[in-house]
Amino acid sequence: MKGFGEIGKLMKIQSEIVRLQEELEARRIEASSGGGMVRAVMNGHGELVELKIDPQVVNPQEVEMLQDLILAAVSEAKRRTQEMVREEMSKIVPAGLMGKIPGLIT
């Protein structure tokens, strides 16, 4: 009967993961670069949902700088999103199972 307890635990973990995935859709993670001149916002699934650019940095002679600022803001937002997801998953999935469940974001 011990196996049924383990199945119950796995089912609970699975339902918590499904709940978290739904919650992540609504979460917003923000990062900026250039002292806030470029701001990127992602949802908890790592999708870019908003990009704000201060008009001061829109200079045709400095397109490369603007591109670098955008990349920096988006990259940082992605890193923060992944960090947040790992933290949330660690609250649900026991440490021994992290990285061992196929399709699990870790």
C-alpha atoms as a PDB file:
ATOM      1  CA  MET A   1       0.000   0.000   0.000  1.00  0.00           C
ATOM      2  CA  LYS A   2       3.009   2.268   0.316  1.00  0.00           C
ATOM      3  CA  GLY A   3       2.988   2.817  -3.474  1.00  0.00           C
ATOM      4  CA  PHE A   4      -0.456   4.403  -3.303  1.00  0.00           C
ATOM      5  CA  GLY A   5       0.860   7.065  -0.916  1.00  0.00           C
ATOM      6  CA  GLU A   6       3.597   7.935  -3.374  1.00  0.00           C
ATOM      7  CA  ILE A   7       1.063   8.140  -6.213  1.00  0.00           C
ATOM      8  CA  GLY A   8      -1.053  10.462  -4.094  1.00  0.00           C
ATOM      9  CA  LYS A   9       1.957  12.701  -3.463  1.00  0.00           C
ATOM     10  CA  LEU A  10       2.793  12.792  -7.177  1.00  0.00           C
ATOM     11  CA  MET A  11      -0.822  13.634  -8.056  1.00  0.00           C
ATOM     12  CA  LYS A  12      -0.762  16.485  -5.533  1.00  0.00           C
ATOM     13  CA  ILE A  13       2.514  17.774  -7.002  1.00  0.00           C
ATOM     14  CA  GLN A  14       1.043  17.559 -10.500  1.00  0.00           C
ATOM     15  CA  SER A  15      -2.053  19.546  -9.517  1.00  0.00           C
ATOM     16  CA  GLU A  16       0.144  22.178  -7.837  1.00  0.00           C
ATOM     17  CA  ILE A  17       2.274  22.444 -10.993  1.00  0.00           C
ATOM     18  CA  VAL A  18      -0.848  22.940 -13.126  1.00  0.00           C
ATOM     19  CA  ARG A  19      -2.053  25.637 -10.707  1.00  0.00           C
ATOM     20  CA  LEU A  20       1.336  27.357 -10.822  1.00  0.00           C
ATOM     21  CA  GLN A  21       1.458  27.286 -14.627  1.00  0.00           C
ATOM     22  CA  GLU A  22      -1.907  29.048 -14.739  1.00  0.00           C
ATOM     23  CA  GLU A  23      -0.734  31.582 -12.168  1.00  0.00           C
ATOM     24  CA  LEU A  24       2.475  32.272 -14.111  1.00  0.00           C
ATOM     25  CA  GLU A  25       0.441  33.550 -17.053  1.00  0.00           C
ATOM     26  CA  ALA A  26      -0.685  36.512 -14.926  1.00  0.00           C
ATOM     27  CA  ARG A  27       2.669  37.250 -13.273  1.00  0.00           C
ATOM     28  CA  ARG A  28       4.774  40.121 -14.584  1.00  0.00           C
ATOM     29  CA  ILE A  29       8.539  40.356 -14.263  1.00  0.00           C
ATOM     30  CA  GLU A  30      10.190  43.633 -15.216  1.00  0.00           C
ATOM     31  CA  ALA A  31      13.753  44.603 -16.017  1.00  0.00           C
ATOM     32  CA  SER A  32      15.287  47.732 -17.465  1.00  0.00           C
ATOM     33  CA  SER A  33      18.531  48.960 -18.956  1.00  0.00           C
ATOM     34  CA  GLY A  34      20.101  52.309 -19.672  1.00  0.00           C
ATOM     35  CA  GLY A  35      18.984  53.674 -16.326  1.00  0.00           C
ATOM     36  CA  GLY A  36      15.361  52.817 -17.096  1.00  0.00           C
ATOM     37  CA  MET A  37      15.408  54.135 -20.666  1.00  0.00           C
ATOM     38  CA  VAL A  38      14.380  50.693 -21.964  1.00  0.00           C
ATOM     39  CA  ARG A  39      12.001  48.526 -19.936  1.00  0.00           C
ATOM     40  CA  ALA A  40      10.987  44.938 -20.736  1.00  0.00           C
ATOM     41  CA  VAL A  41       8.143  43.065 -19.062  1.00  0.00           C
ATOM     42  CA  MET A  42       7.629  39.305 -19.362  1.00  0.00           C
ATOM     43  CA  ASN A  43       4.954  37.017 -18.045  1.00  0.00           C
ATOM     44  CA  GLY A  44       5.860  33.979 -15.955  1.00  0.00           C
ATOM     45  CA  HIS A  45       6.097  31.853 -19.096  1.00  0.00           C
ATOM     46  CA  GLY A  46       8.958  33.992 -20.398  1.00  0.00           C
ATOM     47  CA  GLU A  47       6.898  35.727 -23.059  1.00  0.00           C
ATOM     48  CA  LEU A  48       7.653  39.391 -23.717  1.00  0.00           C
ATOM     49  CA  VAL A  49       4.375  41.210 -23.009  1.00  0.00           C
ATOM     50  CA  GLU A  50       5.517  44.826 -22.908  1.00  0.00           C
ATOM     51  CA  LEU A  51       8.441  46.884 -24.136  1.00  0.00           C
ATOM     52  CA  LYS A  52       8.788  50.581 -23.293  1.00  0.00           C
ATOM     53  CA  ILE A  53      11.393  52.841 -24.855  1.00  0.00           C
ATOM     54  CA  ASP A  54      12.037  56.365 -23.615  1.00  0.00           C
ATOM     55  CA  PRO A  55      11.817  58.706 -26.639  1.00  0.00           C
ATOM     56  CA  GLN A  56      15.167  60.240 -25.621  1.00  0.00           C
ATOM     57  CA  VAL A  57      17.029  57.106 -26.781  1.00  0.00           C
ATOM     58  CA  VAL A  58      15.405  57.044 -30.217  1.00  0.00           C
ATOM     59  CA  ASN A  59      18.207  58.628 -32.184  1.00  0.00           C
ATOM     60  CA  PRO A  60      18.860  57.457 -35.755  1.00  0.00           C
ATOM     61  CA  GLN A  61      22.607  57.880 -35.197  1.00  0.00           C
ATOM     62  CA  GLU A  62      22.554  55.587 -32.152  1.00  0.00           C
ATOM     63  CA  VAL A  63      20.481  52.624 -33.327  1.00  0.00           C
ATOM     64  CA  GLU A  64      23.129  50.127 -32.192  1.00  0.00           C
ATOM     65  CA  MET A  65      23.040  51.516 -28.655  1.00  0.00           C
ATOM     66  CA  LEU A  66      19.247  51.229 -28.595  1.00  0.00           C
ATOM     67  CA  GLN A  67      19.456  47.644 -29.839  1.00  0.00           C
ATOM     68  CA  ASP A  68      21.961  46.822 -27.092  1.00  0.00           C
ATOM     69  CA  LEU A  69      19.710  48.392 -24.446  1.00  0.00           C
ATOM     70  CA  ILE A  70      16.726  46.389 -25.676  1.00  0.00           C
ATOM     71  CA  LEU A  71      18.690  43.137 -25.651  1.00  0.00           C
ATOM     72  CA  ALA A  72      19.993  43.859 -22.151  1.00  0.00           C
ATOM     73  CA  ALA A  73      16.529  44.587 -20.751  1.00  0.00           C
ATOM     74  CA  VAL A  74      14.921  41.553 -22.399  1.00  0.00           C
ATOM     75  CA  SER A  75      17.762  39.247 -21.314  1.00  0.00           C
ATOM     76  CA  GLU A  76      17.541  40.425 -17.710  1.00  0.00           C
ATOM     77  CA  ALA A  77      13.749  40.038 -17.684  1.00  0.00           C
ATOM     78  CA  LYS A  78      14.153  36.478 -19.007  1.00  0.00           C
ATOM     79  CA  ARG A  79      16.761  35.665 -16.335  1.00  0.00           C
ATOM     80  CA  ARG A  80      14.506  37.031 -13.577  1.00  0.00           C
ATOM     81  CA  THR A  81      11.557  35.058 -14.958  1.00  0.00           C
ATOM     82  CA  GLN A  82      13.523  31.798 -14.925  1.00  0.00           C
ATOM     83  CA  GLU A  83      14.734  32.501 -11.385  1.00  0.00           C
ATOM     84  CA  MET A  84      11.184  33.172 -10.181  1.00  0.00           C
ATOM     85  CA  VAL A  85       9.885  29.969 -11.802  1.00  0.00           C
ATOM     86  CA  ARG A  86      12.677  27.892 -10.189  1.00  0.00           C
ATOM     87  CA  GLU A  87      11.851  29.395  -6.779  1.00  0.00           C
ATOM     88  CA  GLU A  88       8.136  28.698  -7.171  1.00  0.00           C
ATOM     89  CA  MET A  89       8.736  25.143  -8.409  1.00  0.00           C
ATOM     90  CA  SER A  90      11.053  24.428  -5.483  1.00  0.00           C
ATOM     91  CA  LYS A  91       8.106  25.145  -3.167  1.00  0.00           C
ATOM     92  CA  ILE A  92       6.084  22.418  -4.902  1.00  0.00           C
ATOM     93  CA  VAL A  93       8.492  19.758  -6.098  1.00  0.00           C
ATOM     94  CA  PRO A  94      10.726  17.954  -3.575  1.00  0.00           C
ATOM     95  CA  ALA A  95      14.430  18.661  -4.138  1.00  0.00           C
ATOM     96  CA  GLY A  96      15.116  15.048  -5.143  1.00  0.00           C
ATOM     97  CA  LEU A  97      12.641  15.264  -8.024  1.00  0.00           C
ATOM     98  CA  MET A  98      13.796  18.597  -9.466  1.00  0.00           C
ATOM     99  CA  GLY A  99      15.243  17.947 -12.912  1.00  0.00           C
ATOM    100  CA  LYS A 100      13.938  14.371 -13.005  1.00  0.00           C
ATOM    101  CA  ILE A 101      10.370  15.041 -14.135  1.00  0.00           C
ATOM    102  CA  PRO A 102      10.167  15.382 -17.942  1.00  0.00           C
ATOM    103  CA  GLY A 103       8.893  18.772 -19.064  1.00  0.00           C
ATOM    104  CA  LEU A 104       9.376  20.330 -15.653  1.00  0.00           C
ATOM    105  CA  ILE A 105      10.853  23.817 -15.796  1.00  0.00           C
ATOM    106  CA  THR A 106      13.824  23.983 -13.425  1.00  0.00           C
END
